[in-house]
Amino acid sequence: MMDAEVFLNNIGVYNDSIFPMQIITLVVAIILTYLLFVRP
């Protein structure tokens, strides 16, 4: 059975690896939303 420290470490590694993609996705979503309201 996996203990809590190993589990939380795995979650931390996942967050570190996915964080840059979250920023890129957020920026793209903001740009697309802006374009939708400016030129529908």
PDB file of N, CA and C in Angstrom:
ATOM      1  N   MET A   1       0.847  -1.192   0.000  1.00  0.00           N
ATOM      2  CA  MET A   1       0.000   0.000   0.000  1.00  0.00           C
ATOM      3  C   MET A   1       0.880   1.239   0.000  1.00  0.00           C
ATOM      4  N   MET A   2       0.474   2.253  -0.735  1.00  0.00           N
ATOM      5  CA  MET A   2       1.245   3.486  -0.865  1.00  0.00           C
ATOM      6  C   MET A   2       0.978   4.385   0.344  1.00  0.00           C
ATOM      7  N   ASP A   3       2.056   4.908   0.946  1.00  0.00           N
ATOM      8  CA  ASP A   3       1.837   5.807   2.072  1.00  0.00           C
ATOM      9  C   ASP A   3       1.600   7.228   1.563  1.00  0.00           C
ATOM     10  N   ALA A   4       1.178   8.099   2.477  1.00  0.00           N
ATOM     11  CA  ALA A   4       0.756   9.447   2.094  1.00  0.00           C
ATOM     12  C   ALA A   4       1.905  10.262   1.510  1.00  0.00           C
ATOM     13  N   GLU A   5       3.107  10.097   2.023  1.00  0.00           N
ATOM     14  CA  GLU A   5       4.233  10.891   1.530  1.00  0.00           C
ATOM     15  C   GLU A   5       4.538  10.575   0.062  1.00  0.00           C
ATOM     16  N   VAL A   6       4.519   9.303  -0.294  1.00  0.00           N
ATOM     17  CA  VAL A   6       4.771   8.914  -1.685  1.00  0.00           C
ATOM     18  C   VAL A   6       3.645   9.434  -2.579  1.00  0.00           C
ATOM     19  N   PHE A   7       2.415   9.319  -2.107  1.00  0.00           N
ATOM     20  CA  PHE A   7       1.273   9.788  -2.885  1.00  0.00           C
ATOM     21  C   PHE A   7       1.355  11.288  -3.138  1.00  0.00           C
ATOM     22  N   LEU A   8       1.623  12.064  -2.086  1.00  0.00           N
ATOM     23  CA  LEU A   8       1.708  13.515  -2.240  1.00  0.00           C
ATOM     24  C   LEU A   8       2.901  13.915  -3.092  1.00  0.00           C
ATOM     25  N   ASN A   9       3.991  13.159  -3.023  1.00  0.00           N
ATOM     26  CA  ASN A   9       5.140  13.433  -3.878  1.00  0.00           C
ATOM     27  C   ASN A   9       4.768  13.216  -5.347  1.00  0.00           C
ATOM     28  N   ASN A  10       4.022  12.161  -5.631  1.00  0.00           N
ATOM     29  CA  ASN A  10       3.583  11.915  -7.007  1.00  0.00           C
ATOM     30  C   ASN A  10       2.673  13.032  -7.511  1.00  0.00           C
ATOM     31  N   ILE A  11       1.788  13.519  -6.647  1.00  0.00           N
ATOM     32  CA  ILE A  11       0.917  14.638  -7.022  1.00  0.00           C
ATOM     33  C   ILE A  11       1.758  15.880  -7.309  1.00  0.00           C
ATOM     34  N   GLY A  12       2.780  16.134  -6.505  1.00  0.00           N
ATOM     35  CA  GLY A  12       3.662  17.280  -6.725  1.00  0.00           C
ATOM     36  C   GLY A  12       4.421  17.191  -8.032  1.00  0.00           C
ATOM     37  N   VAL A  13       4.904  16.015  -8.371  1.00  0.00           N
ATOM     38  CA  VAL A  13       5.615  15.832  -9.645  1.00  0.00           C
ATOM     39  C   VAL A  13       4.661  16.076 -10.808  1.00  0.00           C
ATOM     40  N   TYR A  14       3.442  15.580 -10.694  1.00  0.00           N
ATOM     41  CA  TYR A  14       2.453  15.807 -11.748  1.00  0.00           C
ATOM     42  C   TYR A  14       2.157  17.293 -11.906  1.00  0.00           C
ATOM     43  N   ASN A  15       1.969  18.003 -10.788  1.00  0.00           N
ATOM     44  CA  ASN A  15       1.682  19.434 -10.858  1.00  0.00           C
ATOM     45  C   ASN A  15       2.836  20.194 -11.485  1.00  0.00           C
ATOM     46  N   ASP A  16       4.062  19.835 -11.148  1.00  0.00           N
ATOM     47  CA  ASP A  16       5.228  20.516 -11.719  1.00  0.00           C
ATOM     48  C   ASP A  16       5.320  20.278 -13.219  1.00  0.00           C
ATOM     49  N   SER A  17       4.947  19.091 -13.670  1.00  0.00           N
ATOM     50  CA  SER A  17       5.089  18.783 -15.089  1.00  0.00           C
ATOM     51  C   SER A  17       3.958  19.377 -15.922  1.00  0.00           C
ATOM     52  N   ILE A  18       2.776  19.567 -15.339  1.00  0.00           N
ATOM     53  CA  ILE A  18       1.620  20.030 -16.106  1.00  0.00           C
ATOM     54  C   ILE A  18       1.435  21.541 -16.010  1.00  0.00           C
ATOM     55  N   PHE A  19       2.127  22.210 -15.076  1.00  0.00           N
ATOM     56  CA  PHE A  19       1.899  23.634 -14.818  1.00  0.00           C
ATOM     57  C   PHE A  19       2.129  24.522 -16.038  1.00  0.00           C
ATOM     58  N   PRO A  20       3.211  24.361 -16.808  1.00  0.00           N
ATOM     59  CA  PRO A  20       3.387  25.236 -17.986  1.00  0.00           C
ATOM     60  C   PRO A  20       2.254  25.091 -19.003  1.00  0.00           C
ATOM     61  N   MET A  21       1.750  23.901 -19.184  1.00  0.00           N
ATOM     62  CA  MET A  21       0.653  23.699 -20.127  1.00  0.00           C
ATOM     63  C   MET A  21      -0.619  24.374 -19.635  1.00  0.00           C
ATOM     64  N   GLN A  22      -0.830  24.444 -18.318  1.00  0.00           N
ATOM     65  CA  GLN A  22      -1.995  25.134 -17.783  1.00  0.00           C
ATOM     66  C   GLN A  22      -1.940  26.621 -18.117  1.00  0.00           C
ATOM     67  N   ILE A  23      -0.757  27.221 -18.029  1.00  0.00           N
ATOM     68  CA  ILE A  23      -0.603  28.640 -18.341  1.00  0.00           C
ATOM     69  C   ILE A  23      -0.891  28.882 -19.823  1.00  0.00           C
ATOM     70  N   ILE A  24      -0.347  28.031 -20.687  1.00  0.00           N
ATOM     71  CA  ILE A  24      -0.569  28.185 -22.131  1.00  0.00           C
ATOM     72  C   ILE A  24      -2.059  28.044 -22.452  1.00  0.00           C
ATOM     73  N   THR A  25      -2.715  27.073 -21.850  1.00  0.00           N
ATOM     74  CA  THR A  25      -4.139  26.862 -22.089  1.00  0.00           C
ATOM     75  C   THR A  25      -4.951  28.064 -21.623  1.00  0.00           C
ATOM     76  N   LEU A  26      -4.599  28.638 -20.477  1.00  0.00           N
ATOM     77  CA  LEU A  26      -5.301  29.806 -19.962  1.00  0.00           C
ATOM     78  C   LEU A  26      -5.145  30.996 -20.900  1.00  0.00           C
ATOM     79  N   VAL A  27      -3.939  31.242 -21.386  1.00  0.00           N
ATOM     80  CA  VAL A  27      -3.697  32.364 -22.297  1.00  0.00           C
ATOM     81  C   VAL A  27      -4.489  32.178 -23.591  1.00  0.00           C
ATOM     82  N   VAL A  28      -4.480  30.977 -24.138  1.00  0.00           N
ATOM     83  CA  VAL A  28      -5.238  30.712 -25.369  1.00  0.00           C
ATOM     84  C   VAL A  28      -6.733  30.914 -25.128  1.00  0.00           C
ATOM     85  N   ALA A  29      -7.240  30.474 -23.993  1.00  0.00           N
ATOM     86  CA  ALA A  29      -8.661  30.639 -23.690  1.00  0.00           C
ATOM     87  C   ALA A  29      -9.027  32.115 -23.571  1.00  0.00           C
ATOM     88  N   ILE A  30      -8.159  32.918 -22.956  1.00  0.00           N
ATOM     89  CA  ILE A  30      -8.420  34.355 -22.832  1.00  0.00           C
ATOM     90  C   ILE A  30      -8.435  35.013 -24.208  1.00  0.00           C
ATOM     91  N   ILE A  31      -7.474  34.664 -25.055  1.00  0.00           N
ATOM     92  CA  ILE A  31      -7.411  35.249 -26.401  1.00  0.00           C
ATOM     93  C   ILE A  31      -8.652  34.869 -27.209  1.00  0.00           C
ATOM     94  N   LEU A  32      -9.045  33.606 -27.167  1.00  0.00           N
ATOM     95  CA  LEU A  32     -10.220  33.178 -27.926  1.00  0.00           C
ATOM     96  C   LEU A  32     -11.499  33.833 -27.406  1.00  0.00           C
ATOM     97  N   THR A  33     -11.618  33.999 -26.100  1.00  0.00           N
ATOM     98  CA  THR A  33     -12.786  34.671 -25.536  1.00  0.00           C
ATOM     99  C   THR A  33     -12.824  36.130 -25.966  1.00  0.00           C
ATOM    100  N   TYR A  34     -11.678  36.797 -25.952  1.00  0.00           N
ATOM    101  CA  TYR A  34     -11.594  38.187 -26.399  1.00  0.00           C
ATOM    102  C   TYR A  34     -12.027  38.306 -27.855  1.00  0.00           C
ATOM    103  N   LEU A  35     -11.501  37.431 -28.706  1.00  0.00           N
ATOM    104  CA  LEU A  35     -11.858  37.485 -30.125  1.00  0.00           C
ATOM    105  C   LEU A  35     -13.345  37.202 -30.343  1.00  0.00           C
ATOM    106  N   LEU A  36     -13.916  36.346 -29.531  1.00  0.00           N
ATOM    107  CA  LEU A  36     -15.337  36.030 -29.659  1.00  0.00           C
ATOM    108  C   LEU A  36     -16.195  37.256 -29.377  1.00  0.00           C
ATOM    109  N   PHE A  37     -15.818  38.053 -28.367  1.00  0.00           N
ATOM    110  CA  PHE A  37     -16.614  39.217 -28.018  1.00  0.00           C
ATOM    111  C   PHE A  37     -16.323  40.413 -28.913  1.00  0.00           C
ATOM    112  N   VAL A  38     -15.120  40.509 -29.465  1.00  0.00           N
ATOM    113  CA  VAL A  38     -14.786  41.638 -30.329  1.00  0.00           C
ATOM    114  C   VAL A  38     -15.364  41.435 -31.725  1.00  0.00           C
ATOM    115  N   ARG A  39     -15.198  40.225 -32.273  1.00  0.00           N
ATOM    116  CA  ARG A  39     -15.685  39.921 -33.626  1.00  0.00           C
ATOM    117  C   ARG A  39     -16.501  38.636 -33.597  1.00  0.00           C
ATOM    118  N   PRO A  40     -17.760  38.731 -33.248  1.00  0.00           N
ATOM    119  CA  PRO A  40     -18.572  37.508 -33.158  1.00  0.00           C
ATOM    120  C   PRO A  40     -18.923  36.928 -34.519  1.00  0.00           C
TER     121      PRO A  40
END
